[in-house]
Amino acid sequence: MCFWLLFFLGSSYYLVRAGESDYESLGIINTNPVAKTSVDSGLSEKGKKQTLRAALQLKAMGACDRNCWLWPSITQRAYQAAEIIAAINGISRR
């Protein structure tokens, strides 16, 4: 799990990669874009732990102390990662 901090026009941007997927945990490389949006292509248990660690690091950095938005990609694991990050950092759906 990794993330980068970017500064642009006085704003901060954090790019976070979703954690390990179920497919990745089985050693399967799945590049089919349709399959990536399937609920079967979500975060593995390891991926959930990776995302939780990243969410806690973002919270410790104060990443969402002020106005904060999440824009996940369309993959299932990205949505799951966004939900975990939102829950830990108190980000609500608008």
C-alpha atoms as a PDB file:
ATOM      1  CA  MET A   1       0.000   0.000   0.000  1.00  0.00           C
ATOM      2  CA  CYS A   2       1.442   3.342  -0.921  1.00  0.00           C
ATOM      3  CA  PHE A   3       0.370   6.926  -1.219  1.00  0.00           C
ATOM      4  CA  TRP A   4       1.858  10.175  -2.458  1.00  0.00           C
ATOM      5  CA  LEU A   5       1.287  13.732  -1.365  1.00  0.00           C
ATOM      6  CA  LEU A   6       0.989  16.373  -4.077  1.00  0.00           C
ATOM      7  CA  PHE A   7       0.583  20.116  -3.662  1.00  0.00           C
ATOM      8  CA  PHE A   8      -1.200  22.052  -6.395  1.00  0.00           C
ATOM      9  CA  LEU A   9      -2.663  25.568  -6.217  1.00  0.00           C
ATOM     10  CA  GLY A  10      -2.554  25.593  -2.435  1.00  0.00           C
ATOM     11  CA  SER A  11      -4.404  22.275  -2.115  1.00  0.00           C
ATOM     12  CA  SER A  12      -3.103  18.908  -0.978  1.00  0.00           C
ATOM     13  CA  TYR A  13      -3.747  15.738  -2.956  1.00  0.00           C
ATOM     14  CA  TYR A  14      -3.115  12.248  -1.622  1.00  0.00           C
ATOM     15  CA  LEU A  15      -2.942   9.429  -4.152  1.00  0.00           C
ATOM     16  CA  VAL A  16      -3.622   6.076  -2.518  1.00  0.00           C
ATOM     17  CA  ARG A  17      -3.350   2.712  -4.206  1.00  0.00           C
ATOM     18  CA  ALA A  18      -5.999   0.194  -3.145  1.00  0.00           C
ATOM     19  CA  GLY A  19      -4.726  -2.766  -1.152  1.00  0.00           C
ATOM     20  CA  GLU A  20      -4.276  -6.324  -2.364  1.00  0.00           C
ATOM     21  CA  SER A  21      -7.269  -7.843  -4.159  1.00  0.00           C
ATOM     22  CA  ASP A  22      -8.682 -11.331  -3.683  1.00  0.00           C
ATOM     23  CA  TYR A  23      -7.351 -12.258  -7.131  1.00  0.00           C
ATOM     24  CA  GLU A  24      -3.862 -10.984  -6.288  1.00  0.00           C
ATOM     25  CA  SER A  25      -3.852 -13.016  -3.064  1.00  0.00           C
ATOM     26  CA  LEU A  26      -4.388 -16.138  -5.203  1.00  0.00           C
ATOM     27  CA  GLY A  27      -1.597 -15.166  -7.606  1.00  0.00           C
ATOM     28  CA  ILE A  28      -4.075 -14.420 -10.404  1.00  0.00           C
ATOM     29  CA  ILE A  29      -3.398 -11.429 -12.643  1.00  0.00           C
ATOM     30  CA  ASN A  30      -6.812 -10.196 -13.740  1.00  0.00           C
ATOM     31  CA  THR A  31      -6.774  -7.396 -16.305  1.00  0.00           C
ATOM     32  CA  ASN A  32     -10.363  -7.756 -17.513  1.00  0.00           C
ATOM     33  CA  PRO A  33     -11.982  -4.355 -16.749  1.00  0.00           C
ATOM     34  CA  VAL A  34     -15.425  -5.950 -16.355  1.00  0.00           C
ATOM     35  CA  ALA A  35     -14.146  -8.456 -13.804  1.00  0.00           C
ATOM     36  CA  LYS A  36     -12.428  -5.676 -11.819  1.00  0.00           C
ATOM     37  CA  THR A  37     -15.798  -4.074 -11.088  1.00  0.00           C
ATOM     38  CA  SER A  38     -17.274  -7.382  -9.856  1.00  0.00           C
ATOM     39  CA  VAL A  39     -17.868  -7.898  -6.135  1.00  0.00           C
ATOM     40  CA  ASP A  40     -15.653 -10.978  -6.473  1.00  0.00           C
ATOM     41  CA  SER A  41     -12.703  -8.670  -7.153  1.00  0.00           C
ATOM     42  CA  GLY A  42     -12.667  -6.899  -3.806  1.00  0.00           C
ATOM     43  CA  LEU A  43      -9.981  -6.475  -1.184  1.00  0.00           C
ATOM     44  CA  SER A  44      -8.385  -9.550   0.355  1.00  0.00           C
ATOM     45  CA  GLU A  45      -7.984  -9.700   4.138  1.00  0.00           C
ATOM     46  CA  LYS A  46      -4.404  -8.491   3.672  1.00  0.00           C
ATOM     47  CA  GLY A  47      -5.700  -5.693   1.404  1.00  0.00           C
ATOM     48  CA  LYS A  48      -8.171  -4.585   4.080  1.00  0.00           C
ATOM     49  CA  LYS A  49      -5.365  -4.418   6.647  1.00  0.00           C
ATOM     50  CA  GLN A  50      -3.169  -2.469   4.206  1.00  0.00           C
ATOM     51  CA  THR A  51      -5.997  -0.010   3.594  1.00  0.00           C
ATOM     52  CA  LEU A  52      -6.683   0.358   7.312  1.00  0.00           C
ATOM     53  CA  ARG A  53      -3.000   1.203   7.908  1.00  0.00           C
ATOM     54  CA  ALA A  54      -3.062   3.786   5.118  1.00  0.00           C
ATOM     55  CA  ALA A  55      -6.306   5.292   6.470  1.00  0.00           C
ATOM     56  CA  LEU A  56      -4.757   5.624   9.936  1.00  0.00           C
ATOM     57  CA  GLN A  57      -1.621   7.213   8.447  1.00  0.00           C
ATOM     58  CA  LEU A  58      -3.760   9.729   6.548  1.00  0.00           C
ATOM     59  CA  LYS A  59      -5.623  10.506   9.777  1.00  0.00           C
ATOM     60  CA  ALA A  60      -2.345  10.980  11.681  1.00  0.00           C
ATOM     61  CA  MET A  61      -1.141  13.346   8.937  1.00  0.00           C
ATOM     62  CA  GLY A  62      -4.338  15.386   9.228  1.00  0.00           C
ATOM     63  CA  ALA A  63      -5.152  14.741   5.577  1.00  0.00           C
ATOM     64  CA  CYS A  64      -8.884  15.187   6.134  1.00  0.00           C
ATOM     65  CA  ASP A  65      -8.920  17.697   8.970  1.00  0.00           C
ATOM     66  CA  ARG A  66     -10.349  20.295   6.615  1.00  0.00           C
ATOM     67  CA  ASN A  67     -12.461  19.785   3.512  1.00  0.00           C
ATOM     68  CA  CYS A  68     -11.744  16.333   2.092  1.00  0.00           C
ATOM     69  CA  TRP A  69     -13.035  14.465  -0.959  1.00  0.00           C
ATOM     70  CA  LEU A  70     -12.481  10.901  -2.173  1.00  0.00           C
ATOM     71  CA  TRP A  71     -12.550   9.895  -5.848  1.00  0.00           C
ATOM     72  CA  PRO A  72     -12.029   6.141  -6.186  1.00  0.00           C
ATOM     73  CA  SER A  73     -11.598   4.396  -9.504  1.00  0.00           C
ATOM     74  CA  ILE A  74     -14.394   2.086 -10.666  1.00  0.00           C
ATOM     75  CA  THR A  75     -12.813  -1.132  -9.392  1.00  0.00           C
ATOM     76  CA  GLN A  76     -14.449  -2.968  -6.505  1.00  0.00           C
ATOM     77  CA  ARG A  77     -11.332  -2.870  -4.356  1.00  0.00           C
ATOM     78  CA  ALA A  78     -10.970   0.903  -4.878  1.00  0.00           C
ATOM     79  CA  TYR A  79     -14.541   1.441  -3.658  1.00  0.00           C
ATOM     80  CA  GLN A  80     -13.896  -0.769  -0.640  1.00  0.00           C
ATOM     81  CA  ALA A  81     -10.670   1.102   0.120  1.00  0.00           C
ATOM     82  CA  ALA A  82     -12.496   4.440  -0.153  1.00  0.00           C
ATOM     83  CA  GLU A  83     -15.153   3.229   2.293  1.00  0.00           C
ATOM     84  CA  ILE A  84     -12.486   2.251   4.837  1.00  0.00           C
ATOM     85  CA  ILE A  85     -10.608   5.538   4.429  1.00  0.00           C
ATOM     86  CA  ALA A  86     -13.861   7.506   4.719  1.00  0.00           C
ATOM     87  CA  ALA A  87     -14.940   5.651   7.870  1.00  0.00           C
ATOM     88  CA  ILE A  88     -11.604   6.189   9.639  1.00  0.00           C
ATOM     89  CA  ASN A  89     -11.311   9.842   8.612  1.00  0.00           C
ATOM     90  CA  GLY A  90     -14.945  10.874   9.190  1.00  0.00           C
ATOM     91  CA  ILE A  91     -15.736  11.612   5.540  1.00  0.00           C
ATOM     92  CA  SER A  92     -19.445  11.452   4.774  1.00  0.00           C
ATOM     93  CA  ARG A  93     -21.202  10.999   1.451  1.00  0.00           C
ATOM     94  CA  ARG A  94     -22.647  14.235   0.189  1.00  0.00           C
END
